[in-house]
Amino acid sequence: TNTPAGNITATTVQAALNELDAEKAKLAGDAAQVFSVAPATAATHAVPLAQTVGKNAVINPGFTINQRAYVSAAVLAAGAYGHDRWKAGAGGGDYSFTQLESNTTITIAANKTLIQVIENKNVYGGTYTLSWTGTSLARYAINSATPAGAYAASPIVITGQNAGTTMSIEFGNGASAGTLTKIQLEVSPVATTFEQEAYSVTLAKCQRYYEKGQVRFDTYA
């Protein structure tokens, strides 16, 4: 008499082979289910624009680059630049700070403001949100390099900006001094986490507009 082994219940050779074939087919099917990967779709892998790298239109948002060596609390006349990409407003832009290797908090003096103009090549249009850390207030201009209107606290939603057209932002705190750092202007209806950027990347962006260097002239008799 034949004795069944393992999961095989048949008592004849042919029946046992048939059961083995059925078991192998079942095991192969189970393995395919375990290791199968659902096809990627745009819906399952889409990343919101506001969460992508390079979302911040502001250059030098943490005041890490200071190629002109602006000195803390020095007079900054209207239109003059302090830290890279930041220029004084119409009433001047004096501010104080202790420079850090990372994001630096500045304190804008009373009745002074700082402006950054966003170059048209970096403007995508649509709805933007401006956010920052500090007690300073801000105002903005769409399709213009001259901010106007009332100042407001963070965050500010900006609508009506045309793609490929300059926009601008301005910070101050009226008759009181105000602190400021980690400024972000992004294409988004809401403020998202501040984007940390490598120092080398920020420096390269700043050097597109201003680069400190030396020129050597040699003369021969």
Protein backbone atom coordinates (compact mmCIF):
# COMPACT_ATOMS: atom_id res chain seq x y z
CA THR A 1 0.00 0.00 0.00
CA ASN A 2 1.34 3.52 -0.88
CA THR A 3 1.54 6.03 2.02
CA PRO A 4 0.91 9.77 1.19
CA ALA A 5 3.76 12.21 2.09
CA GLY A 6 3.66 15.92 2.97
CA ASN A 7 0.62 17.66 1.46
CA ILE A 8 0.13 14.95 -1.15
CA THR A 9 -3.02 12.90 -0.54
CA ALA A 10 -2.99 10.71 -3.64
CA THR A 11 -2.05 7.06 -3.32
CA THR A 12 -1.05 6.47 -6.95
CA VAL A 13 1.99 7.83 -8.80
CA GLN A 14 0.04 9.63 -11.53
CA ALA A 15 -2.37 11.23 -9.10
CA ALA A 16 0.56 12.36 -6.95
CA LEU A 17 2.27 13.97 -9.95
CA ASN A 18 -0.93 15.79 -10.81
CA GLU A 19 -1.16 17.12 -7.25
CA LEU A 20 2.49 18.24 -7.35
CA ASP A 21 1.85 20.18 -10.58
CA ALA A 22 -1.16 21.87 -8.98
CA GLU A 23 0.86 22.79 -5.87
CA LYS A 24 3.67 24.32 -7.99
CA ALA A 25 1.18 26.39 -9.96
CA LYS A 26 -0.40 27.66 -6.76
CA LEU A 27 2.98 28.57 -5.24
CA ALA A 28 4.01 30.41 -8.40
CA GLY A 29 0.80 32.43 -8.29
CA ASP A 30 1.30 33.33 -4.63
CA ALA A 31 4.87 34.48 -5.31
CA ALA A 32 3.73 36.68 -8.18
CA GLN A 33 1.24 38.39 -5.88
CA VAL A 34 3.83 38.95 -3.15
CA PHE A 35 6.44 40.53 -5.44
CA SER A 36 4.17 42.32 -7.88
CA VAL A 37 4.43 46.14 -8.00
CA ALA A 38 1.52 48.31 -9.03
CA PRO A 39 2.29 50.42 -12.10
CA ALA A 40 3.27 54.00 -11.32
CA THR A 41 0.72 56.62 -12.19
CA ALA A 42 0.85 60.39 -12.26
CA ALA A 43 -1.86 60.47 -9.62
CA THR A 44 -0.01 58.29 -7.09
CA HIS A 45 3.39 59.92 -7.59
CA ALA A 46 2.48 63.53 -8.25
CA VAL A 47 4.32 66.00 -6.00
CA PRO A 48 2.63 69.35 -5.32
CA LEU A 49 4.53 72.27 -6.84
CA ALA A 50 4.80 73.93 -3.43
CA GLN A 51 6.85 70.96 -2.14
CA THR A 52 9.39 70.82 -4.96
CA VAL A 53 13.03 71.85 -4.74
CA GLY A 54 13.67 75.44 -5.80
CA LYS A 55 10.20 76.65 -4.85
CA ASN A 56 11.42 79.89 -3.24
CA ALA A 57 11.59 82.88 -5.60
CA VAL A 58 13.44 84.97 -3.01
CA ILE A 59 17.23 84.97 -3.35
CA ASN A 60 19.29 85.06 -0.15
CA PRO A 61 16.19 84.59 2.04
CA GLY A 62 18.19 83.93 5.21
CA PHE A 63 20.71 86.76 4.78
CA THR A 64 23.67 84.38 4.51
CA ILE A 65 25.42 86.18 1.61
CA ASN A 66 26.96 89.61 2.24
CA GLN A 67 29.47 90.18 -0.58
CA ARG A 68 29.42 93.97 -0.17
CA ALA A 69 30.33 93.52 3.50
CA TYR A 70 27.50 95.71 4.77
CA VAL A 71 28.24 96.57 8.39
CA SER A 72 25.54 96.12 11.00
CA ALA A 73 23.58 99.34 11.73
CA ALA A 74 25.44 101.33 9.05
CA VAL A 75 23.51 103.94 7.07
CA LEU A 76 21.94 102.33 3.99
CA ALA A 77 20.71 105.03 1.61
CA ALA A 78 17.63 104.58 -0.57
CA GLY A 79 18.33 102.11 -3.36
CA ALA A 80 21.67 100.97 -1.89
CA TYR A 81 22.27 97.26 -1.29
CA GLY A 82 23.14 95.60 2.01
CA HIS A 83 23.10 91.81 1.99
CA ASP A 84 22.97 90.48 -1.55
CA ARG A 85 19.70 91.12 -3.42
CA TRP A 86 18.31 93.34 -0.61
CA LYS A 87 18.17 97.08 -1.17
CA ALA A 88 16.96 99.98 0.94
CA GLY A 89 13.48 101.40 0.43
CA ALA A 90 12.69 105.04 -0.29
CA GLY A 91 13.31 106.09 3.33
CA GLY A 92 16.57 104.16 3.69
CA GLY A 93 17.15 100.62 4.90
CA ASP A 94 19.48 100.59 7.91
CA TYR A 95 19.43 97.29 9.79
CA SER A 96 21.46 95.46 12.42
CA PHE A 97 22.51 91.83 12.68
CA THR A 98 25.01 89.33 14.01
CA GLN A 99 26.17 87.30 11.03
CA LEU A 100 25.82 83.54 11.38
CA GLU A 101 27.06 80.78 9.09
CA SER A 102 23.44 79.73 8.59
CA ASN A 103 20.20 81.73 8.44
CA THR A 104 20.71 85.12 10.08
CA THR A 105 18.02 87.25 11.71
CA ILE A 106 18.25 90.96 10.95
CA THR A 107 16.53 93.84 12.73
CA ILE A 108 15.29 96.58 10.43
CA ALA A 109 15.48 99.99 12.07
CA ALA A 110 12.34 102.05 12.73
CA ASN A 111 10.99 103.84 9.65
CA LYS A 112 13.35 101.88 7.39
CA THR A 113 12.52 99.18 4.83
CA LEU A 114 14.21 96.56 2.66
CA ILE A 115 13.10 95.57 -0.84
CA GLN A 116 13.80 92.63 -3.08
CA VAL A 117 12.80 92.70 -6.74
CA ILE A 118 12.06 89.29 -8.27
CA GLU A 119 13.46 89.19 -11.79
CA ASN A 120 10.86 88.53 -14.49
CA LYS A 121 12.71 85.38 -15.62
CA ASN A 122 11.97 83.83 -12.21
CA VAL A 123 8.27 84.69 -12.11
CA TYR A 124 5.83 81.96 -13.16
CA GLY A 125 2.58 83.77 -12.50
CA GLY A 126 -0.52 82.64 -10.66
CA THR A 127 -1.13 82.66 -6.93
CA TYR A 128 1.84 83.20 -4.63
CA THR A 129 2.21 83.08 -0.86
CA LEU A 130 4.77 85.24 0.94
CA SER A 131 5.83 84.05 4.40
CA TRP A 132 8.64 84.85 6.83
CA THR A 133 9.82 84.66 10.41
CA GLY A 134 10.01 87.81 12.54
CA THR A 135 8.06 90.85 13.69
CA SER A 136 8.49 92.86 10.50
CA LEU A 137 5.49 93.43 8.25
CA ALA A 138 5.46 93.24 4.47
CA ARG A 139 3.81 94.59 1.35
CA TYR A 140 4.26 93.71 -2.30
CA ALA A 141 3.70 94.68 -5.90
CA ILE A 142 2.46 92.49 -8.72
CA ASN A 143 3.87 93.16 -12.18
CA SER A 144 6.00 95.96 -10.75
CA ALA A 145 9.37 96.62 -9.07
CA THR A 146 7.84 99.16 -6.67
CA PRO A 147 5.91 97.70 -3.71
CA ALA A 148 2.86 99.65 -2.57
CA GLY A 149 -0.20 99.41 -0.36
CA ALA A 150 -0.66 98.47 3.28
CA TYR A 151 1.76 96.30 5.24
CA ALA A 152 0.57 93.01 6.73
CA ALA A 153 1.84 90.13 8.88
CA SER A 154 2.95 86.75 7.57
CA PRO A 155 1.64 85.00 5.52
CA ILE A 156 0.33 87.07 2.60
CA VAL A 157 -1.48 85.50 -0.37
CA ILE A 158 -0.73 87.29 -3.65
CA THR A 159 -2.97 86.91 -6.70
CA GLY A 160 -3.00 88.36 -10.19
CA GLN A 161 0.72 88.06 -10.93
CA ASN A 162 1.51 87.62 -14.61
CA ALA A 163 4.12 85.11 -15.72
CA GLY A 164 7.38 86.59 -16.96
CA THR A 165 6.73 89.96 -15.30
CA THR A 166 8.69 91.52 -12.42
CA MET A 167 7.25 91.40 -8.91
CA SER A 168 8.60 92.84 -5.65
CA ILE A 169 8.36 92.61 -1.87
CA GLU A 170 9.19 95.11 0.90
CA PHE A 171 9.69 94.65 4.65
CA GLY A 172 9.59 97.07 7.58
CA ASN A 173 7.75 97.73 10.80
CA GLY A 174 6.71 101.35 10.65
CA ALA A 175 7.80 103.44 13.62
CA SER A 176 9.19 100.37 15.41
CA ALA A 177 12.16 98.13 14.66
CA GLY A 178 11.27 94.71 13.27
CA THR A 179 13.07 91.37 12.98
CA LEU A 180 13.24 89.35 9.77
CA THR A 181 14.60 86.04 8.43
CA LYS A 182 13.60 82.93 6.44
CA ILE A 183 11.59 84.74 3.77
CA GLN A 184 9.77 82.58 1.24
CA LEU A 185 7.78 83.50 -1.87
CA GLU A 186 6.29 80.47 -3.55
CA VAL A 187 3.71 79.52 -6.14
CA SER A 188 1.13 78.17 -3.72
CA PRO A 189 -2.18 79.24 -2.13
CA VAL A 190 -0.72 78.47 1.32
CA ALA A 191 2.63 78.84 3.07
CA THR A 192 4.75 75.69 3.23
CA THR A 193 7.89 74.77 5.18
CA PHE A 194 10.84 77.10 4.57
CA GLU A 195 13.20 75.64 1.99
CA GLN A 196 16.76 75.27 3.28
CA GLU A 197 19.27 75.84 0.50
CA ALA A 198 22.98 75.01 0.28
CA TYR A 199 25.27 78.02 0.78
CA SER A 200 26.95 77.37 -2.57
CA VAL A 201 23.62 77.48 -4.38
CA THR A 202 22.60 80.77 -2.76
CA LEU A 203 26.01 82.30 -3.50
CA ALA A 204 25.80 81.29 -7.16
CA LYS A 205 22.37 82.89 -7.46
CA CYS A 206 23.65 86.11 -5.91
CA GLN A 207 26.72 86.22 -8.14
CA ARG A 208 24.48 86.40 -11.19
CA TYR A 209 23.73 89.98 -10.09
CA TYR A 210 26.89 90.97 -8.22
CA GLU A 211 30.28 89.33 -7.83
CA LYS A 212 33.17 90.62 -5.80
CA GLY A 213 36.58 90.05 -7.35
CA GLN A 214 39.94 91.53 -8.23
CA VAL A 215 41.37 92.84 -11.49
CA ARG A 216 45.12 92.75 -12.08
CA PHE A 217 46.97 95.00 -14.53
CA ASP A 218 50.57 94.31 -15.44
CA THR A 219 52.72 96.95 -17.17
CA TYR A 220 56.05 96.46 -18.85
CA ALA A 221 58.72 99.07 -19.52
